[in-house]
Amino acid sequence: MRRYVAFLSATALATAVVVPVAFAGHGKGSKPARYLVGGAAESINPTAAMLANQDFYLGGYGFGSGHPGNVTALPSATGGRFATGILGDGAHSRAFAVGDAKSTIVLAQIETQGFFNAYKQGPFGENEIRQDAATQIASLAAAASHDKHHSAAPAPTASQIVVDSDHSHGGPDTAGVWGGV
């Protein structure tokens, strides 16, 4: 699951270095508004090792792995729903950022069955994703502030980062129902 956090963070990081694209005037003689906008997509596909080890589970098929939340073994009619390959381009995380001179908001989506704010198994829930992304974006923004040739919007706080899931039935099981997490 830590891999999903890293990829989402990488996607959000890519949106932090944004270019000025929108200008709007507010009347005669007023200074135009300046917005910095950026977007990125990053693969969250399993590695070859994850596929070989059969430890990357897909969400949304069958009756589950028989191990909900990776805790209790239950009888399963279908066995584990581990991934055996990557369908098409696979799963991604995508992010879009908009900022001005005062604040920035990041909207991000991961192609997974779903996820929770927090997990007992480890630090990889929505709260940790948002905090990790905010920390990494702040570091990138600080480095970019020394480059006078590039503009950067203010780094967002964790509360200015919105993350959701598209409920893909072909994506990773981040809810822990089909054997994942």
Protein backbone atom coordinates (compact mmCIF):
# COMPACT_ATOMS: atom_id res chain seq x y z
CA MET A 1 0.00 0.00 0.00
CA ARG A 2 2.94 2.30 0.65
CA ARG A 3 3.50 2.12 -3.13
CA TYR A 4 0.12 3.84 -3.73
CA VAL A 5 1.05 6.64 -1.35
CA ALA A 6 4.37 7.13 -3.14
CA PHE A 7 2.77 7.22 -6.58
CA LEU A 8 0.00 9.57 -5.49
CA SER A 9 2.60 11.78 -3.85
CA ALA A 10 4.68 11.72 -7.03
CA THR A 11 1.64 12.75 -9.03
CA ALA A 12 0.87 15.58 -6.61
CA LEU A 13 4.54 16.62 -6.69
CA ALA A 14 4.39 16.92 -10.45
CA THR A 15 1.45 19.29 -10.12
CA ALA A 16 3.36 21.52 -7.69
CA VAL A 17 5.64 22.89 -10.39
CA VAL A 18 2.97 24.66 -12.37
CA VAL A 19 3.06 27.14 -15.22
CA PRO A 20 1.10 30.38 -15.51
CA VAL A 21 -1.77 29.77 -17.91
CA ALA A 22 -4.81 31.86 -16.98
CA PHE A 23 -5.06 35.63 -16.91
CA ALA A 24 -8.25 37.57 -16.30
CA GLY A 25 -8.81 41.31 -16.11
CA HIS A 26 -11.17 42.90 -13.63
CA GLY A 27 -11.81 46.23 -15.29
CA LYS A 28 -9.87 49.13 -16.70
CA GLY A 29 -6.45 49.68 -15.22
CA SER A 30 -6.60 46.75 -12.80
CA LYS A 31 -3.86 44.15 -12.66
CA PRO A 32 -4.93 40.83 -14.24
CA ALA A 33 -5.37 37.83 -11.98
CA ARG A 34 -2.65 35.21 -12.36
CA TYR A 35 -3.28 31.53 -11.77
CA LEU A 36 -0.79 28.67 -11.86
CA VAL A 37 -2.25 25.40 -13.11
CA GLY A 38 -0.73 21.95 -13.48
CA GLY A 39 -1.65 18.32 -13.82
CA ALA A 40 -0.04 14.92 -13.95
CA ALA A 41 -0.77 11.20 -14.11
CA GLU A 42 1.34 8.38 -12.69
CA SER A 43 1.06 4.60 -13.01
CA ILE A 44 0.23 2.59 -9.89
CA ASN A 45 0.65 -0.76 -11.63
CA PRO A 46 2.16 -3.68 -9.72
CA THR A 47 5.83 -4.46 -10.22
CA ALA A 48 6.92 -7.74 -11.81
CA ALA A 49 7.92 -8.97 -8.34
CA MET A 50 4.46 -8.19 -6.94
CA LEU A 51 2.85 -10.17 -9.76
CA ALA A 52 5.26 -13.09 -9.30
CA ASN A 53 4.68 -13.17 -5.52
CA GLN A 54 0.90 -13.02 -6.00
CA ASP A 55 0.62 -10.25 -3.39
CA PHE A 56 -1.09 -7.56 -5.43
CA TYR A 57 -4.84 -8.04 -5.16
CA LEU A 58 -7.56 -6.63 -7.38
CA GLY A 59 -10.75 -5.23 -5.91
CA GLY A 60 -14.30 -5.95 -6.91
CA TYR A 61 -14.38 -9.51 -8.27
CA GLY A 62 -15.76 -12.71 -6.76
CA PHE A 63 -16.51 -13.31 -3.11
CA GLY A 64 -13.17 -12.14 -1.81
CA SER A 65 -9.92 -13.85 -0.96
CA GLY A 66 -11.21 -15.51 2.19
CA HIS A 67 -8.94 -13.15 4.16
CA PRO A 68 -10.92 -9.91 4.70
CA GLY A 69 -8.60 -7.27 6.05
CA ASN A 70 -5.78 -9.86 5.83
CA VAL A 71 -6.81 -11.11 9.26
CA THR A 72 -9.34 -13.94 9.36
CA ALA A 73 -9.28 -16.93 7.03
CA LEU A 74 -12.75 -17.69 5.68
CA PRO A 75 -13.78 -20.24 3.06
CA SER A 76 -13.61 -18.77 -0.42
CA ALA A 77 -15.32 -20.13 -3.52
CA THR A 78 -13.03 -18.18 -5.85
CA GLY A 79 -9.66 -18.12 -4.08
CA GLY A 80 -7.49 -15.01 -3.97
CA ARG A 81 -8.02 -12.20 -6.47
CA PHE A 82 -4.36 -11.49 -7.02
CA ALA A 83 -3.36 -9.79 -10.25
CA THR A 84 -1.85 -12.00 -12.95
CA GLY A 85 -0.97 -9.15 -15.30
CA ILE A 86 -1.77 -5.59 -16.27
CA LEU A 87 -4.86 -4.85 -18.35
CA GLY A 88 -4.27 -2.17 -21.00
CA ASP A 89 -2.46 0.82 -19.53
CA GLY A 90 -3.28 -0.34 -16.00
CA ALA A 91 -4.24 1.81 -13.03
CA HIS A 92 -3.14 5.40 -12.40
CA SER A 93 -3.28 8.24 -9.98
CA ARG A 94 -4.08 11.66 -11.45
CA ALA A 95 -3.80 15.10 -9.93
CA PHE A 96 -4.73 18.65 -10.90
CA ALA A 97 -3.51 21.75 -9.05
CA VAL A 98 -4.64 25.38 -9.21
CA GLY A 99 -2.99 28.15 -7.27
CA ASP A 100 -2.64 31.90 -7.07
CA ALA A 101 -0.30 34.02 -5.01
CA LYS A 102 -2.18 33.12 -1.81
CA SER A 103 -3.12 29.45 -1.88
CA THR A 104 -3.16 26.22 -3.86
CA ILE A 105 -5.63 23.35 -4.07
CA VAL A 106 -4.81 19.89 -5.39
CA LEU A 107 -7.52 17.49 -6.60
CA ALA A 108 -6.28 13.90 -6.96
CA GLN A 109 -7.89 10.60 -7.87
CA ILE A 110 -6.62 7.05 -7.64
CA GLU A 111 -8.02 4.21 -9.74
CA THR A 112 -8.82 1.75 -6.96
CA GLN A 113 -11.83 -0.02 -5.49
CA GLY A 114 -11.84 2.46 -2.63
CA PHE A 115 -9.87 3.35 0.49
CA PHE A 116 -10.27 4.56 4.04
CA ASN A 117 -9.15 7.59 6.02
CA ALA A 118 -6.90 5.35 8.13
CA TYR A 119 -5.91 1.69 8.41
CA LYS A 120 -4.95 -0.44 11.40
CA GLN A 121 -2.38 -2.29 9.24
CA GLY A 122 -0.22 0.76 8.59
CA PRO A 123 0.12 4.44 7.73
CA PHE A 124 -1.40 4.45 4.26
CA GLY A 125 -4.91 5.87 4.53
CA GLU A 126 -6.23 9.06 3.01
CA ASN A 127 -4.94 11.18 5.86
CA GLU A 128 -1.39 9.87 5.40
CA ILE A 129 -1.59 10.25 1.61
CA ARG A 130 -2.58 13.91 1.97
CA GLN A 131 0.06 14.64 4.64
CA ASP A 132 2.82 12.86 2.70
CA ALA A 133 1.91 14.73 -0.49
CA ALA A 134 1.81 18.09 1.33
CA THR A 135 5.26 17.48 2.84
CA GLN A 136 6.81 16.47 -0.48
CA ILE A 137 5.17 19.36 -2.37
CA ALA A 138 6.46 21.82 0.25
CA SER A 139 10.01 20.48 -0.25
CA LEU A 140 9.71 20.77 -4.02
CA ALA A 141 8.21 24.28 -3.77
CA ALA A 142 11.07 25.38 -1.49
CA ALA A 143 13.62 24.13 -4.02
CA ALA A 144 11.75 25.81 -6.89
CA SER A 145 11.60 29.14 -5.05
CA HIS A 146 15.35 29.55 -5.64
CA ASP A 147 14.86 29.35 -9.42
CA LYS A 148 13.83 32.77 -10.73
CA HIS A 149 12.98 31.29 -14.16
CA HIS A 150 10.10 29.17 -12.87
CA SER A 151 6.94 30.20 -11.06
CA ALA A 152 5.54 28.11 -8.25
CA ALA A 153 2.27 28.51 -6.40
CA PRO A 154 2.30 28.30 -2.60
CA ALA A 155 2.58 24.73 -1.36
CA PRO A 156 -0.78 23.34 -0.24
CA THR A 157 -1.39 22.06 3.27
CA ALA A 158 -2.83 18.58 3.74
CA SER A 159 -6.29 20.15 4.13
CA GLN A 160 -5.94 21.73 0.67
CA ILE A 161 -5.39 18.34 -0.98
CA VAL A 162 -8.52 16.38 -1.92
CA VAL A 163 -8.10 12.68 -2.75
CA ASP A 164 -10.78 10.31 -4.00
CA SER A 165 -11.11 6.93 -5.67
CA ASP A 166 -13.02 6.12 -8.85
CA HIS A 167 -14.22 2.70 -7.53
CA SER A 168 -12.53 0.72 -10.30
CA HIS A 169 -13.24 -3.00 -10.31
CA GLY A 170 -9.97 -3.57 -12.17
CA GLY A 171 -7.78 -1.64 -9.77
CA PRO A 172 -5.87 -2.50 -6.61
CA ASP A 173 -7.79 -3.72 -3.56
CA THR A 174 -7.04 -0.88 -1.17
CA ALA A 175 -10.07 -1.68 0.99
CA GLY A 176 -8.75 -5.09 2.08
CA VAL A 177 -11.83 -7.07 1.08
CA TRP A 178 -10.28 -9.18 -1.70
CA GLY A 179 -6.93 -9.85 -0.03
CA GLY A 180 -5.13 -6.56 -0.56
CA VAL A 181 -3.75 -3.71 1.52
